[in-house]
Amino acid sequence: MIRELRYVNSRGDEIAFGGDSGPWHFGQLDIFDTEQAYRSTGGRVTSFGPEIRELSLAVFMREGSLSERNRFADVLDYDVRTGQAGTLWAGGSWMRCWIPNRKVSEWEHYDSMAVYECTVLTDRPVWVRQEEIVLAAVEPTDDAGLNYPHDYPHNYAYSAGASARVRNPFMLPCKCDIAFPGPCRDPYVIIGANRYQVKTEVQAGQLLIVRGFGDRGIVLRHSDGTERSAFAAGVREPGANVFAEVPVGSLTAAWSGSYNVSVTLYDERPTPWLE
C-alpha cells in the first residue's frame, strides 16, 4: 500500500500528499498502470523500452491556506521553468518527472480547499529503488592480506587491503554509483570479477563520484559543492570497467582499505513497489 506521495523539485522543495499530517492528499492516480513500447523485426518482438509518457494524479487540499496554494504552484512550476526534472516518490521508490499541467476546481468556495487534476510528464517512465553499501576504511595490520582470485595488470591485493562480502539483492544485474572521499590516489574497488577505478588524485575534502546510473559521468566534487569532470580518468580495460553493472547475488568486494567506498545499487521497473 502506498500511503504517501512526495514531489521534490530540483532544488529540494517538497510537497507531500497523504501521510499522517498536512493539508495535501491524493485521490485517483494511474502510476500502477504499465505501458511499454516495443520494437519488432520480421514480425517478432526484439526489445522493450520506455518512451515519454503522461500519468494522471488527482490531489486536493483541505484545511490549508492561500499561501500553501501559492507554494504548491511555486514548487511544481520551478522545474517546468528550468527544464530540470523533479522527483516523485511513492513510498521508497521514485521516478524523475515534471508536473506541468493541472486543472483546478473547488477553489472558489473556501481559501482552505482546492482540487487539482495533475498531469505527470516523464521521459523515463520507470520507478527506481536503491540500496547503499558502505565499505569502511580499516587500520593497517601485519596480516598477509587479500589474495584476490583474479589476475590484474597491477597488484591490488597488498597487505593493507581489505575485503568484505556484498550483495546485489535485486533480480537483475544493476547499475551503480560509487563515491570515493579524499584523500586518496587512483582509488578503486573490485566487486566480483570487475575493477572500478579512476586514475586521479582526490584531495582531503573532495569527493570523487562515478555515476553509472542515469547519465554516465565521473566528477570530482570540491568542498564548495562545485564539480569538475574526470570522465577521461575512468579505467576501461580487460577486467576493469568503471561503469559495469553489478551482478546478482553475494560477491566479494576488495579495496585498499585506506579510504571509505560508498556503492549505491539501483533497481528499476515500470511500477512502484508496494510497502
C-alpha atoms as a PDB file:
ATOM      1  CA  MET A   1       0.000   0.000   0.000  1.00  0.00           C
ATOM      2  CA  ILE A   2       1.245   3.478  -0.876  1.00  0.00           C
ATOM      3  CA  ARG A   3       0.123   5.861   1.877  1.00  0.00           C
ATOM      4  CA  GLU A   4       2.121   8.913   0.847  1.00  0.00           C
ATOM      5  CA  LEU A   5       3.373  10.538  -2.335  1.00  0.00           C
ATOM      6  CA  ARG A   6       6.009  13.269  -2.325  1.00  0.00           C
ATOM      7  CA  TYR A   7       7.101  15.586  -5.099  1.00  0.00           C
ATOM      8  CA  VAL A   8      10.571  17.069  -4.575  1.00  0.00           C
ATOM      9  CA  ASN A   9      11.631  19.659  -7.125  1.00  0.00           C
ATOM     10  CA  SER A  10      15.157  20.030  -8.468  1.00  0.00           C
ATOM     11  CA  ARG A  11      16.195  22.490  -5.780  1.00  0.00           C
ATOM     12  CA  GLY A  12      14.852  20.363  -2.901  1.00  0.00           C
ATOM     13  CA  ASP A  13      11.464  21.982  -2.212  1.00  0.00           C
ATOM     14  CA  GLU A  14       8.840  19.365  -1.323  1.00  0.00           C
ATOM     15  CA  ILE A  15       5.093  18.832  -1.367  1.00  0.00           C
ATOM     16  CA  ALA A  16       3.816  15.725   0.487  1.00  0.00           C
ATOM     17  CA  PHE A  17       0.436  14.186  -0.412  1.00  0.00           C
ATOM     18  CA  GLY A  18      -1.169  11.910   2.163  1.00  0.00           C
ATOM     19  CA  GLY A  19       0.593  10.706   5.271  1.00  0.00           C
ATOM     20  CA  ASP A  20      -0.489  11.480   8.812  1.00  0.00           C
ATOM     21  CA  SER A  21      -0.493  15.276   8.654  1.00  0.00           C
ATOM     22  CA  GLY A  22      -0.534  18.234   6.285  1.00  0.00           C
ATOM     23  CA  PRO A  23      -3.202  19.769   4.077  1.00  0.00           C
ATOM     24  CA  TRP A  24      -2.385  17.835   0.883  1.00  0.00           C
ATOM     25  CA  HIS A  25      -3.877  14.456  -0.085  1.00  0.00           C
ATOM     26  CA  PHE A  26      -4.105  12.343  -3.229  1.00  0.00           C
ATOM     27  CA  GLY A  27      -7.001  10.590  -4.927  1.00  0.00           C
ATOM     28  CA  GLN A  28      -7.251   8.833  -8.289  1.00  0.00           C
ATOM     29  CA  LEU A  29      -3.928   8.048  -9.988  1.00  0.00           C
ATOM     30  CA  ASP A  30      -2.586   5.651 -12.612  1.00  0.00           C
ATOM     31  CA  ILE A  31       1.028   5.174 -11.523  1.00  0.00           C
ATOM     32  CA  PHE A  32       0.445   1.409 -11.275  1.00  0.00           C
ATOM     33  CA  ASP A  33      -0.630   1.128 -14.915  1.00  0.00           C
ATOM     34  CA  THR A  34       2.069  -0.026 -17.334  1.00  0.00           C
ATOM     35  CA  GLU A  35       2.626   0.962 -20.944  1.00  0.00           C
ATOM     36  CA  GLN A  36       5.735  -0.490 -22.552  1.00  0.00           C
ATOM     37  CA  ALA A  37       6.881   0.442 -26.047  1.00  0.00           C
ATOM     38  CA  TYR A  38       8.377  -2.355 -28.122  1.00  0.00           C
ATOM     39  CA  ARG A  39      10.412  -2.888 -31.257  1.00  0.00           C
ATOM     40  CA  SER A  40       9.988  -5.691 -33.740  1.00  0.00           C
ATOM     41  CA  THR A  41      11.825  -7.179 -36.693  1.00  0.00           C
ATOM     42  CA  GLY A  42      10.336  -9.664 -39.134  1.00  0.00           C
ATOM     43  CA  GLY A  43       7.151  -9.984 -37.158  1.00  0.00           C
ATOM     44  CA  ARG A  44       8.940 -10.808 -33.888  1.00  0.00           C
ATOM     45  CA  VAL A  45       9.344  -8.612 -30.811  1.00  0.00           C
ATOM     46  CA  THR A  46      13.029  -7.813 -30.305  1.00  0.00           C
ATOM     47  CA  SER A  47      13.057  -5.425 -27.355  1.00  0.00           C
ATOM     48  CA  PHE A  48      11.041  -3.330 -24.937  1.00  0.00           C
ATOM     49  CA  GLY A  49      11.808   0.202 -23.848  1.00  0.00           C
ATOM     50  CA  PRO A  50      10.173   3.160 -22.124  1.00  0.00           C
ATOM     51  CA  GLU A  51       9.006   6.218 -24.032  1.00  0.00           C
ATOM     52  CA  ILE A  52       7.719   9.639 -22.997  1.00  0.00           C
ATOM     53  CA  ARG A  53       4.536   9.151 -21.001  1.00  0.00           C
ATOM     54  CA  GLU A  54       1.828  11.182 -19.295  1.00  0.00           C
ATOM     55  CA  LEU A  55       0.353   9.982 -15.988  1.00  0.00           C
ATOM     56  CA  SER A  56      -2.614  11.375 -14.094  1.00  0.00           C
ATOM     57  CA  LEU A  57      -2.633  12.361 -10.441  1.00  0.00           C
ATOM     58  CA  ALA A  58      -5.564  13.900  -8.545  1.00  0.00           C
ATOM     59  CA  VAL A  59      -4.609  15.880  -5.434  1.00  0.00           C
ATOM     60  CA  PHE A  60      -6.668  18.010  -3.109  1.00  0.00           C
ATOM     61  CA  MET A  61      -6.063  20.434  -0.288  1.00  0.00           C
ATOM     62  CA  ARG A  62      -8.214  20.751   2.799  1.00  0.00           C
ATOM     63  CA  GLU A  63      -7.657  22.872   5.899  1.00  0.00           C
ATOM     64  CA  GLY A  64      -4.879  24.678   4.038  1.00  0.00           C
ATOM     65  CA  SER A  65      -4.343  28.313   3.134  1.00  0.00           C
ATOM     66  CA  LEU A  66      -3.800  30.658   0.221  1.00  0.00           C
ATOM     67  CA  SER A  67      -0.079  30.744   0.984  1.00  0.00           C
ATOM     68  CA  GLU A  68       0.051  26.938   0.779  1.00  0.00           C
ATOM     69  CA  ARG A  69      -1.705  27.002  -2.582  1.00  0.00           C
ATOM     70  CA  ASN A  70       0.858  29.526  -3.824  1.00  0.00           C
ATOM     71  CA  ARG A  71       3.708  27.356  -2.500  1.00  0.00           C
ATOM     72  CA  PHE A  72       2.255  24.337  -4.319  1.00  0.00           C
ATOM     73  CA  ALA A  73       2.341  26.243  -7.608  1.00  0.00           C
ATOM     74  CA  ASP A  74       5.869  27.522  -6.993  1.00  0.00           C
ATOM     75  CA  VAL A  75       7.273  24.051  -6.172  1.00  0.00           C
ATOM     76  CA  LEU A  76       5.806  22.473  -9.315  1.00  0.00           C
ATOM     77  CA  ASP A  77       6.454  25.362 -11.686  1.00  0.00           C
ATOM     78  CA  TYR A  78      10.126  25.741 -10.776  1.00  0.00           C
ATOM     79  CA  ASP A  79      11.083  22.541 -12.618  1.00  0.00           C
ATOM     80  CA  VAL A  80       8.946  23.400 -15.644  1.00  0.00           C
ATOM     81  CA  ARG A  81      10.576  26.821 -15.933  1.00  0.00           C
ATOM     82  CA  THR A  82      14.123  25.499 -15.532  1.00  0.00           C
ATOM     83  CA  GLY A  83      13.668  22.305 -17.555  1.00  0.00           C
ATOM     84  CA  GLN A  84      15.143  20.215 -14.747  1.00  0.00           C
ATOM     85  CA  ALA A  85      13.145  17.164 -13.689  1.00  0.00           C
ATOM     86  CA  GLY A  86      11.878  16.780 -10.157  1.00  0.00           C
ATOM     87  CA  THR A  87      11.329  13.522  -8.270  1.00  0.00           C
ATOM     88  CA  LEU A  88       8.008  11.874  -7.475  1.00  0.00           C
ATOM     89  CA  TRP A  89       8.315   9.494  -4.517  1.00  0.00           C
ATOM     90  CA  ALA A  90       5.842   6.658  -3.924  1.00  0.00           C
ATOM     91  CA  GLY A  91       6.866   5.110  -0.631  1.00  0.00           C
ATOM     92  CA  GLY A  92      10.513   4.094  -1.034  1.00  0.00           C
ATOM     93  CA  SER A  93      10.655   4.220  -4.851  1.00  0.00           C
ATOM     94  CA  TRP A  94      10.957   7.256  -7.101  1.00  0.00           C
ATOM     95  CA  MET A  95      10.636   8.489 -10.673  1.00  0.00           C
ATOM     96  CA  ARG A  96      12.083  11.574 -12.411  1.00  0.00           C
ATOM     97  CA  CYS A  97       9.324  13.747 -13.852  1.00  0.00           C
ATOM     98  CA  TRP A  98       7.606  17.124 -14.180  1.00  0.00           C
ATOM     99  CA  ILE A  99       4.051  18.155 -13.258  1.00  0.00           C
ATOM    100  CA  PRO A 100       3.455  20.766 -15.969  1.00  0.00           C
ATOM    101  CA  ASN A 101      -0.342  20.726 -16.242  1.00  0.00           C
ATOM    102  CA  ARG A 102      -3.071  20.947 -13.627  1.00  0.00           C
ATOM    103  CA  LYS A 103      -6.773  21.699 -13.740  1.00  0.00           C
ATOM    104  CA  VAL A 104      -8.047  23.340 -10.570  1.00  0.00           C
ATOM    105  CA  SER A 105     -11.575  23.224  -9.175  1.00  0.00           C
ATOM    106  CA  GLU A 106     -13.393  23.805  -5.882  1.00  0.00           C
ATOM    107  CA  TRP A 107     -11.057  26.690  -5.185  1.00  0.00           C
ATOM    108  CA  GLU A 108     -13.800  29.328  -5.199  1.00  0.00           C
ATOM    109  CA  HIS A 109     -15.655  28.059  -2.116  1.00  0.00           C
ATOM    110  CA  TYR A 110     -13.018  28.421   0.601  1.00  0.00           C
ATOM    111  CA  ASP A 111      -9.433  29.649   0.775  1.00  0.00           C
ATOM    112  CA  SER A 112      -8.530  26.444   2.631  1.00  0.00           C
ATOM    113  CA  MET A 113      -9.505  23.947  -0.064  1.00  0.00           C
ATOM    114  CA  ALA A 114      -8.886  23.155  -3.740  1.00  0.00           C
ATOM    115  CA  VAL A 115      -8.830  20.154  -6.088  1.00  0.00           C
ATOM    116  CA  TYR A 116      -6.183  19.685  -8.783  1.00  0.00           C
ATOM    117  CA  GLU A 117      -6.206  17.219 -11.674  1.00  0.00           C
ATOM    118  CA  CYS A 118      -2.492  16.999 -12.445  1.00  0.00           C
ATOM    119  CA  THR A 119      -0.564  15.644 -15.411  1.00  0.00           C
ATOM    120  CA  VAL A 120       2.729  13.961 -14.556  1.00  0.00           C
ATOM    121  CA  LEU A 121       5.133  14.005 -17.512  1.00  0.00           C
ATOM    122  CA  THR A 122       8.216  11.790 -17.686  1.00  0.00           C
ATOM    123  CA  ASP A 123      10.690  10.940 -20.431  1.00  0.00           C
ATOM    124  CA  ARG A 124      11.834   7.879 -18.474  1.00  0.00           C
ATOM    125  CA  PRO A 125       8.742   6.154 -17.057  1.00  0.00           C
ATOM    126  CA  VAL A 126      10.498   3.763 -14.689  1.00  0.00           C
ATOM    127  CA  TRP A 127      10.408   3.610 -10.910  1.00  0.00           C
ATOM    128  CA  VAL A 128      13.640   3.219  -9.026  1.00  0.00           C
ATOM    129  CA  ARG A 129      14.644   1.874  -5.648  1.00  0.00           C
ATOM    130  CA  GLN A 130      18.168   1.905  -4.324  1.00  0.00           C
ATOM    131  CA  GLU A 131      20.395   0.310  -1.722  1.00  0.00           C
ATOM    132  CA  GLU A 132      23.659   1.716  -0.379  1.00  0.00           C
ATOM    133  CA  ILE A 133      26.681  -0.331   0.630  1.00  0.00           C
ATOM    134  CA  VAL A 134      29.424   1.361   2.658  1.00  0.00           C
ATOM    135  CA  LEU A 135      32.888  -0.207   2.733  1.00  0.00           C
ATOM    136  CA  ALA A 136      34.714   1.402   5.640  1.00  0.00           C
ATOM    137  CA  ALA A 137      38.413   2.170   5.880  1.00  0.00           C
ATOM    138  CA  VAL A 138      40.405  -0.180   8.105  1.00  0.00           C
ATOM    139  CA  GLU A 139      43.517   0.213  10.201  1.00  0.00           C
ATOM    140  CA  PRO A 140      46.660  -1.308   8.580  1.00  0.00           C
ATOM    141  CA  THR A 141      47.763  -4.661  10.008  1.00  0.00           C
ATOM    142  CA  ASP A 142      50.667  -7.058   9.528  1.00  0.00           C
ATOM    143  CA  ASP A 143      48.422  -9.781   8.107  1.00  0.00           C
ATOM    144  CA  ALA A 144      49.252 -11.406   4.808  1.00  0.00           C
ATOM    145  CA  GLY A 145      46.440  -9.501   3.152  1.00  0.00           C
ATOM    146  CA  LEU A 146      43.942 -10.375   0.475  1.00  0.00           C
ATOM    147  CA  ASN A 147      44.802 -12.927  -2.201  1.00  0.00           C
ATOM    148  CA  TYR A 148      42.225 -11.982  -4.799  1.00  0.00           C
ATOM    149  CA  PRO A 149      41.337 -14.875  -7.180  1.00  0.00           C
ATOM    150  CA  HIS A 150      41.647 -12.833 -10.431  1.00  0.00           C
ATOM    151  CA  ASP A 151      44.726 -11.507 -12.210  1.00  0.00           C
ATOM    152  CA  TYR A 152      45.048  -7.753 -12.864  1.00  0.00           C
ATOM    153  CA  PRO A 153      47.799  -5.708 -14.548  1.00  0.00           C
ATOM    154  CA  HIS A 154      48.857  -4.371 -11.139  1.00  0.00           C
ATOM    155  CA  ASN A 155      48.985  -5.877  -7.649  1.00  0.00           C
ATOM    156  CA  TYR A 156      45.854  -4.529  -5.982  1.00  0.00           C
ATOM    157  CA  ALA A 157      45.877  -7.178  -3.242  1.00  0.00           C
ATOM    158  CA  TYR A 158      48.551  -5.894  -0.920  1.00  0.00           C
ATOM    159  CA  SER A 159      48.895  -6.237   2.830  1.00  0.00           C
ATOM    160  CA  ALA A 160      46.964  -3.088   3.677  1.00  0.00           C
ATOM    161  CA  GLY A 161      43.997  -4.241   1.586  1.00  0.00           C
ATOM    162  CA  ALA A 162      40.528  -5.031   2.838  1.00  0.00           C
ATOM    163  CA  SER A 163      37.694  -7.251   1.676  1.00  0.00           C
ATOM    164  CA  ALA A 164      34.041  -7.821   2.504  1.00  0.00           C
ATOM    165  CA  ARG A 165      31.023  -9.700   1.245  1.00  0.00           C
ATOM    166  CA  VAL A 166      28.440  -7.539  -0.504  1.00  0.00           C
ATOM    167  CA  ARG A 167      25.128  -8.430  -2.093  1.00  0.00           C
ATOM    168  CA  ASN A 168      23.046  -7.258  -5.021  1.00  0.00           C
ATOM    169  CA  PRO A 169      19.572  -8.198  -3.711  1.00  0.00           C
ATOM    170  CA  PHE A 170      17.749  -7.368  -6.940  1.00  0.00           C
ATOM    171  CA  MET A 171      16.580  -9.765  -9.674  1.00  0.00           C
ATOM    172  CA  LEU A 172      18.908  -8.456 -12.403  1.00  0.00           C
ATOM    173  CA  PRO A 173      22.425  -7.007 -12.694  1.00  0.00           C
ATOM    174  CA  CYS A 174      22.138  -3.363 -11.701  1.00  0.00           C
ATOM    175  CA  LYS A 175      23.737  -0.029 -12.435  1.00  0.00           C
ATOM    176  CA  CYS A 176      25.597   1.648  -9.607  1.00  0.00           C
ATOM    177  CA  ASP A 177      27.136   4.889  -8.382  1.00  0.00           C
ATOM    178  CA  ILE A 178      30.429   4.782  -6.488  1.00  0.00           C
ATOM    179  CA  ALA A 179      31.898   7.511  -4.282  1.00  0.00           C
ATOM    180  CA  PHE A 180      35.485   7.788  -3.022  1.00  0.00           C
ATOM    181  CA  PRO A 181      36.187  10.507  -0.415  1.00  0.00           C
ATOM    182  CA  GLY A 182      39.661  12.031  -0.292  1.00  0.00           C
ATOM    183  CA  PRO A 183      42.449  11.902   0.388  1.00  0.00           C
ATOM    184  CA  CYS A 184      43.321   9.056  -1.975  1.00  0.00           C
ATOM    185  CA  ARG A 185      45.089   8.456  -5.275  1.00  0.00           C
ATOM    186  CA  ASP A 186      43.841   6.227  -8.106  1.00  0.00           C
ATOM    187  CA  PRO A 187      41.035   4.839  -5.915  1.00  0.00           C
ATOM    188  CA  TYR A 188      39.456   1.511  -6.814  1.00  0.00           C
ATOM    189  CA  VAL A 189      37.066  -1.158  -5.619  1.00  0.00           C
ATOM    190  CA  ILE A 190      36.828  -4.681  -7.020  1.00  0.00           C
ATOM    191  CA  ILE A 191      33.337  -6.178  -6.949  1.00  0.00           C
ATOM    192  CA  GLY A 192      33.079  -9.732  -8.166  1.00  0.00           C
ATOM    193  CA  ALA A 193      35.308 -10.007 -11.233  1.00  0.00           C
ATOM    194  CA  ASN A 194      35.336  -6.313 -12.171  1.00  0.00           C
ATOM    195  CA  ARG A 195      37.569  -3.467 -11.006  1.00  0.00           C
ATOM    196  CA  TYR A 196      36.057   0.024 -10.743  1.00  0.00           C
ATOM    197  CA  GLN A 197      38.897   2.549 -10.766  1.00  0.00           C
ATOM    198  CA  VAL A 198      39.634   6.178 -11.580  1.00  0.00           C
ATOM    199  CA  LYS A 199      43.217   7.271 -12.190  1.00  0.00           C
ATOM    200  CA  THR A 200      43.249  10.622 -10.441  1.00  0.00           C
ATOM    201  CA  GLU A 201      44.139  12.241  -7.134  1.00  0.00           C
ATOM    202  CA  VAL A 202      41.382  13.096  -4.664  1.00  0.00           C
ATOM    203  CA  GLN A 203      42.430  15.599  -2.024  1.00  0.00           C
ATOM    204  CA  ALA A 204      41.102  15.906   1.523  1.00  0.00           C
ATOM    205  CA  GLY A 205      37.644  17.483   1.482  1.00  0.00           C
ATOM    206  CA  GLN A 206      36.951  16.326  -2.090  1.00  0.00           C
ATOM    207  CA  LEU A 207      34.663  13.541  -3.254  1.00  0.00           C
ATOM    208  CA  LEU A 208      35.136  11.505  -6.421  1.00  0.00           C
ATOM    209  CA  ILE A 209      31.806  10.274  -7.799  1.00  0.00           C
ATOM    210  CA  VAL A 210      31.350   7.636 -10.508  1.00  0.00           C
ATOM    211  CA  ARG A 211      27.806   7.942 -11.876  1.00  0.00           C
ATOM    212  CA  GLY A 212      26.895   4.695 -13.571  1.00  0.00           C
ATOM    213  CA  PHE A 213      23.149   5.266 -13.184  1.00  0.00           C
ATOM    214  CA  GLY A 214      21.315   7.755 -15.381  1.00  0.00           C
ATOM    215  CA  ASP A 215      23.631   9.997 -17.373  1.00  0.00           C
ATOM    216  CA  ARG A 216      27.045   8.403 -17.003  1.00  0.00           C
ATOM    217  CA  GLY A 217      29.807  10.580 -15.695  1.00  0.00           C
ATOM    218  CA  ILE A 218      32.764  10.897 -13.362  1.00  0.00           C
ATOM    219  CA  VAL A 219      33.132  14.099 -11.352  1.00  0.00           C
ATOM    220  CA  LEU A 220      35.390  15.470  -8.666  1.00  0.00           C
ATOM    221  CA  ARG A 221      33.274  17.433  -6.189  1.00  0.00           C
ATOM    222  CA  HIS A 222      35.037  20.178  -4.251  1.00  0.00           C
ATOM    223  CA  SER A 223      34.238  21.273  -0.702  1.00  0.00           C
ATOM    224  CA  ASP A 224      32.256  24.281  -2.005  1.00  0.00           C
ATOM    225  CA  GLY A 225      29.930  21.977  -3.981  1.00  0.00           C
ATOM    226  CA  THR A 226      31.348  22.747  -7.418  1.00  0.00           C
ATOM    227  CA  GLU A 227      32.240  19.834  -9.675  1.00  0.00           C
ATOM    228  CA  ARG A 228      34.680  19.223 -12.499  1.00  0.00           C
ATOM    229  CA  SER A 229      34.654  16.298 -14.875  1.00  0.00           C
ATOM    230  CA  ALA A 230      37.132  13.456 -14.505  1.00  0.00           C
ATOM    231  CA  PHE A 231      35.466  11.297 -17.155  1.00  0.00           C
ATOM    232  CA  ALA A 232      38.661  10.571 -19.078  1.00  0.00           C
ATOM    233  CA  ALA A 233      40.347   9.190 -15.940  1.00  0.00           C
ATOM    234  CA  GLY A 234      37.929   6.268 -15.622  1.00  0.00           C
ATOM    235  CA  VAL A 235      39.663   2.938 -16.257  1.00  0.00           C
ATOM    236  CA  ARG A 236      38.318   0.842 -19.126  1.00  0.00           C
ATOM    237  CA  GLU A 237      40.423  -2.204 -19.911  1.00  0.00           C
ATOM    238  CA  PRO A 238      40.131  -6.009 -19.679  1.00  0.00           C
ATOM    239  CA  GLY A 239      38.869  -6.852 -16.197  1.00  0.00           C
ATOM    240  CA  ALA A 240      38.091  -3.208 -15.417  1.00  0.00           C
ATOM    241  CA  ASN A 241      35.030  -1.218 -16.491  1.00  0.00           C
ATOM    242  CA  VAL A 242      34.260   1.776 -14.320  1.00  0.00           C
ATOM    243  CA  PHE A 243      30.597   1.721 -15.434  1.00  0.00           C
ATOM    244  CA  ALA A 244      29.980  -2.043 -15.245  1.00  0.00           C
ATOM    245  CA  GLU A 245      26.735  -3.363 -13.798  1.00  0.00           C
ATOM    246  CA  VAL A 246      26.928  -5.301 -10.529  1.00  0.00           C
ATOM    247  CA  PRO A 247      25.960  -8.994 -10.874  1.00  0.00           C
ATOM    248  CA  VAL A 248      23.128 -10.537  -8.887  1.00  0.00           C
ATOM    249  CA  GLY A 249      23.839 -12.277  -5.588  1.00  0.00           C
ATOM    250  CA  SER A 250      26.613 -12.377  -2.999  1.00  0.00           C
ATOM    251  CA  LEU A 251      30.002 -11.077  -4.153  1.00  0.00           C
ATOM    252  CA  THR A 252      33.449 -10.328  -2.777  1.00  0.00           C
ATOM    253  CA  ALA A 253      34.407  -6.645  -2.642  1.00  0.00           C
ATOM    254  CA  ALA A 254      38.049  -5.632  -2.271  1.00  0.00           C
ATOM    255  CA  TRP A 255      39.654  -2.193  -1.917  1.00  0.00           C
ATOM    256  CA  SER A 256      42.820  -0.687  -0.483  1.00  0.00           C
ATOM    257  CA  GLY A 257      41.297  -0.250   2.965  1.00  0.00           C
ATOM    258  CA  SER A 258      42.830   3.213   3.374  1.00  0.00           C
ATOM    259  CA  TYR A 259      39.615   5.065   2.422  1.00  0.00           C
ATOM    260  CA  ASN A 260      35.853   4.581   2.574  1.00  0.00           C
ATOM    261  CA  VAL A 261      33.917   3.441  -0.500  1.00  0.00           C
ATOM    262  CA  SER A 262      30.193   4.033  -0.971  1.00  0.00           C
ATOM    263  CA  VAL A 263      28.372   1.912  -3.570  1.00  0.00           C
ATOM    264  CA  THR A 264      24.731   2.667  -4.407  1.00  0.00           C
ATOM    265  CA  LEU A 265      22.816  -0.013  -6.324  1.00  0.00           C
ATOM    266  CA  TYR A 266      19.726   0.832  -8.405  1.00  0.00           C
ATOM    267  CA  ASP A 267      16.766  -1.345  -9.370  1.00  0.00           C
ATOM    268  CA  GLU A 268      14.159  -0.299 -11.961  1.00  0.00           C
ATOM    269  CA  ARG A 269      10.676  -1.418 -13.002  1.00  0.00           C
ATOM    270  CA  PRO A 270       7.553   0.112 -14.629  1.00  0.00           C
ATOM    271  CA  THR A 271       5.564   0.403 -11.352  1.00  0.00           C
ATOM    272  CA  PRO A 272       6.466   1.435  -7.801  1.00  0.00           C
ATOM    273  CA  TRP A 273       6.984  -1.169  -5.097  1.00  0.00           C
ATOM    274  CA  LEU A 274       4.193  -1.637  -2.561  1.00  0.00           C
ATOM    275  CA  GLU A 275       5.108  -1.262   1.098  1.00  0.00           C
END
